[in-house]
Each structure stands twice: as structure tokens, then as C-alpha cells.
Amino acid sequence: MDLDDDACYRAFTMRDARLDGRIFGAVRTTGIYCRPVCPARTPKRENIRFYPSAAAAQEAGFRPCLRCRPETSPDLGSWKGTSNTVSPIVGVRFG
């Protein structure tokens, strides 16, 4: 997924819920990454970098925000629960 920085920043300034779980913003000055719906103040444009997943932000050395909990965002498998675990095997015949 190619991330357009300007579009991502607009999503953060508008707190766009449509992109929740699809983009993550990491703030260089604080070392924290957030979801676009985070209630925290939007960082300055020059201080934020965007990632396609929470794992990518963490791998880059950022830690999750304690307000919006990006590591538990809606598109992550752990958030979807057991149906996410079971759904890939539906329709598979055994025996």
C-alpha cells in the first residue's frame, strides 16, 4: 500500500474513522505512534511519519499511544477475535 503523506496527514487532522486501522502516524518528537482517530492533539506536519500497520511503526522503534491503543486497532486480527481464526478454514474438508 502506497501512503500519500498529504492524504494521511489530512486523515489525522480530520480524525477520519474510515482509515482507522489502515494507517498509523508516528511522531518523531515523542516516539509514539497513533491511530487517525486518536483524541490527542495532531502533531506538526514535519514531525509525523506514516506507516501501513502498527507492527511497521513498532519495528521502526515507536511505541503505542496509551490513549488510542493503536496495537488493538479494528483491522488487526486480534481485534476480530475467534471468527478471524476460524474463518480461513471454513469450507475445508477433512478426511
C-alpha atoms as a PDB file:
ATOM      1  CA  MET A   1       0.000   0.000   0.000  1.00  0.00           C
ATOM      2  CA  ASP A   2       1.470   3.348  -1.058  1.00  0.00           C
ATOM      3  CA  LEU A   3       0.889   6.010   1.530  1.00  0.00           C
ATOM      4  CA  ASP A   4       0.361   9.565   0.310  1.00  0.00           C
ATOM      5  CA  ASP A   5       1.721  11.657   3.181  1.00  0.00           C
ATOM      6  CA  ASP A   6      -0.551  14.619   2.473  1.00  0.00           C
ATOM      7  CA  ALA A   7      -3.689  12.433   2.392  1.00  0.00           C
ATOM      8  CA  CYS A   8      -2.584  10.642   5.565  1.00  0.00           C
ATOM      9  CA  TYR A   9      -1.991  13.926   7.362  1.00  0.00           C
ATOM     10  CA  ARG A  10      -5.450  15.172   6.318  1.00  0.00           C
ATOM     11  CA  ALA A  11      -6.933  11.962   7.756  1.00  0.00           C
ATOM     12  CA  PHE A  12      -5.227  12.695  11.078  1.00  0.00           C
ATOM     13  CA  THR A  13      -6.313  16.336  11.173  1.00  0.00           C
ATOM     14  CA  MET A  14      -9.921  15.306  10.419  1.00  0.00           C
ATOM     15  CA  ARG A  15      -9.771  12.217  12.693  1.00  0.00           C
ATOM     16  CA  ASP A  16     -11.075  10.154   9.785  1.00  0.00           C
ATOM     17  CA  ALA A  17     -12.504   6.890  11.145  1.00  0.00           C
ATOM     18  CA  ARG A  18     -12.589   5.359   7.638  1.00  0.00           C
ATOM     19  CA  LEU A  19      -8.811   4.946   7.788  1.00  0.00           C
ATOM     20  CA  ASP A  20      -8.703   3.635  11.339  1.00  0.00           C
ATOM     21  CA  GLY A  21      -6.552   0.511  11.343  1.00  0.00           C
ATOM     22  CA  ARG A  22      -5.278   1.221   7.816  1.00  0.00           C
ATOM     23  CA  ILE A  23      -2.729   3.927   8.598  1.00  0.00           C
ATOM     24  CA  PHE A  24      -0.714   4.801  11.665  1.00  0.00           C
ATOM     25  CA  GLY A  25       1.077   8.039  12.408  1.00  0.00           C
ATOM     26  CA  ALA A  26       4.350   8.017  14.307  1.00  0.00           C
ATOM     27  CA  VAL A  27       5.509  11.225  15.959  1.00  0.00           C
ATOM     28  CA  ARG A  28       9.281  11.651  15.790  1.00  0.00           C
ATOM     29  CA  THR A  29       9.480  14.059  18.713  1.00  0.00           C
ATOM     30  CA  THR A  30       7.645  11.801  21.178  1.00  0.00           C
ATOM     31  CA  GLY A  31       8.462   8.315  19.839  1.00  0.00           C
ATOM     32  CA  ILE A  32       4.760   7.384  19.929  1.00  0.00           C
ATOM     33  CA  TYR A  33       2.503   6.109  17.142  1.00  0.00           C
ATOM     34  CA  CYS A  34      -1.272   6.637  16.944  1.00  0.00           C
ATOM     35  CA  ARG A  35      -4.420   5.864  15.015  1.00  0.00           C
ATOM     36  CA  PRO A  36      -6.061   8.598  12.913  1.00  0.00           C
ATOM     37  CA  VAL A  37      -8.961   8.743  15.400  1.00  0.00           C
ATOM     38  CA  CYS A  38      -6.734   9.493  18.391  1.00  0.00           C
ATOM     39  CA  PRO A  39      -8.088  12.322  20.577  1.00  0.00           C
ATOM     40  CA  ALA A  40      -4.569  13.655  21.212  1.00  0.00           C
ATOM     41  CA  ARG A  41      -3.507  16.915  19.596  1.00  0.00           C
ATOM     42  CA  THR A  42      -2.475  16.476  15.956  1.00  0.00           C
ATOM     43  CA  PRO A  43       1.307  16.798  15.672  1.00  0.00           C
ATOM     44  CA  LYS A  44       3.020  19.260  13.374  1.00  0.00           C
ATOM     45  CA  ARG A  45       3.271  18.021   9.809  1.00  0.00           C
ATOM     46  CA  GLU A  46       7.069  17.878   9.866  1.00  0.00           C
ATOM     47  CA  ASN A  47       7.072  15.657  12.987  1.00  0.00           C
ATOM     48  CA  ILE A  48       4.828  12.839  11.773  1.00  0.00           C
ATOM     49  CA  ARG A  49       5.648   9.823   9.631  1.00  0.00           C
ATOM     50  CA  PHE A  50       3.078   7.307   8.362  1.00  0.00           C
ATOM     51  CA  TYR A  51       3.055   3.514   8.408  1.00  0.00           C
ATOM     52  CA  PRO A  52       0.649   0.938   6.922  1.00  0.00           C
ATOM     53  CA  SER A  53       0.497  -1.140  10.117  1.00  0.00           C
ATOM     54  CA  ALA A  54       1.048  -0.944  13.849  1.00  0.00           C
ATOM     55  CA  ALA A  55       3.742  -3.598  13.505  1.00  0.00           C
ATOM     56  CA  ALA A  56       5.648  -1.459  10.989  1.00  0.00           C
ATOM     57  CA  ALA A  57       5.557   1.523  13.345  1.00  0.00           C
ATOM     58  CA  GLN A  58       6.786  -0.599  16.243  1.00  0.00           C
ATOM     59  CA  GLU A  59       9.501  -2.122  14.093  1.00  0.00           C
ATOM     60  CA  ALA A  60      10.693   1.418  13.312  1.00  0.00           C
ATOM     61  CA  GLY A  61      11.146   1.974  17.051  1.00  0.00           C
ATOM     62  CA  PHE A  62       7.921   3.742  18.032  1.00  0.00           C
ATOM     63  CA  ARG A  63       5.761   2.737  20.999  1.00  0.00           C
ATOM     64  CA  PRO A  64       1.937   2.648  21.037  1.00  0.00           C
ATOM     65  CA  CYS A  65      -0.111   5.601  22.271  1.00  0.00           C
ATOM     66  CA  LEU A  66      -1.784   4.996  25.628  1.00  0.00           C
ATOM     67  CA  ARG A  67      -4.878   6.998  24.596  1.00  0.00           C
ATOM     68  CA  CYS A  68      -5.911   5.368  21.301  1.00  0.00           C
ATOM     69  CA  ARG A  69      -4.202   1.961  21.734  1.00  0.00           C
ATOM     70  CA  PRO A  70      -3.146   1.512  18.074  1.00  0.00           C
ATOM     71  CA  GLU A  71      -1.918  -2.025  18.701  1.00  0.00           C
ATOM     72  CA  THR A  72      -5.591  -3.009  19.123  1.00  0.00           C
ATOM     73  CA  SER A  73      -6.996  -1.182  16.074  1.00  0.00           C
ATOM     74  CA  PRO A  74     -10.044  -2.620  14.231  1.00  0.00           C
ATOM     75  CA  ASP A  75      -8.280  -4.197  11.238  1.00  0.00           C
ATOM     76  CA  LEU A  76      -5.864  -6.243  13.328  1.00  0.00           C
ATOM     77  CA  GLY A  77      -6.526  -9.970  13.642  1.00  0.00           C
ATOM     78  CA  SER A  78      -6.511  -9.878  17.435  1.00  0.00           C
ATOM     79  CA  TRP A  79      -9.334  -7.314  17.392  1.00  0.00           C
ATOM     80  CA  LYS A  80     -11.542  -9.505  15.188  1.00  0.00           C
ATOM     81  CA  GLY A  81     -11.466 -12.316  17.726  1.00  0.00           C
ATOM     82  CA  THR A  82     -12.144 -16.001  17.179  1.00  0.00           C
ATOM     83  CA  SER A  83     -14.071 -15.561  13.919  1.00  0.00           C
ATOM     84  CA  ASN A  84     -10.805 -14.325  12.372  1.00  0.00           C
ATOM     85  CA  THR A  85      -9.127 -17.548  13.455  1.00  0.00           C
ATOM     86  CA  VAL A  86     -11.905 -19.826  12.280  1.00  0.00           C
ATOM     87  CA  SER A  87     -12.890 -18.142   9.012  1.00  0.00           C
ATOM     88  CA  PRO A  88      -9.862 -19.216   6.932  1.00  0.00           C
ATOM     89  CA  ILE A  89     -10.692 -22.902   7.418  1.00  0.00           C
ATOM     90  CA  VAL A  90     -14.392 -22.702   6.534  1.00  0.00           C
ATOM     91  CA  GLY A  91     -15.108 -24.932   3.574  1.00  0.00           C
ATOM     92  CA  VAL A  92     -12.060 -27.142   4.061  1.00  0.00           C
ATOM     93  CA  ARG A  93     -12.883 -30.839   4.039  1.00  0.00           C
ATOM     94  CA  PHE A  94     -11.092 -33.181   6.367  1.00  0.00           C
ATOM     95  CA  GLY A  95     -10.733 -36.888   5.949  1.00  0.00           C
END
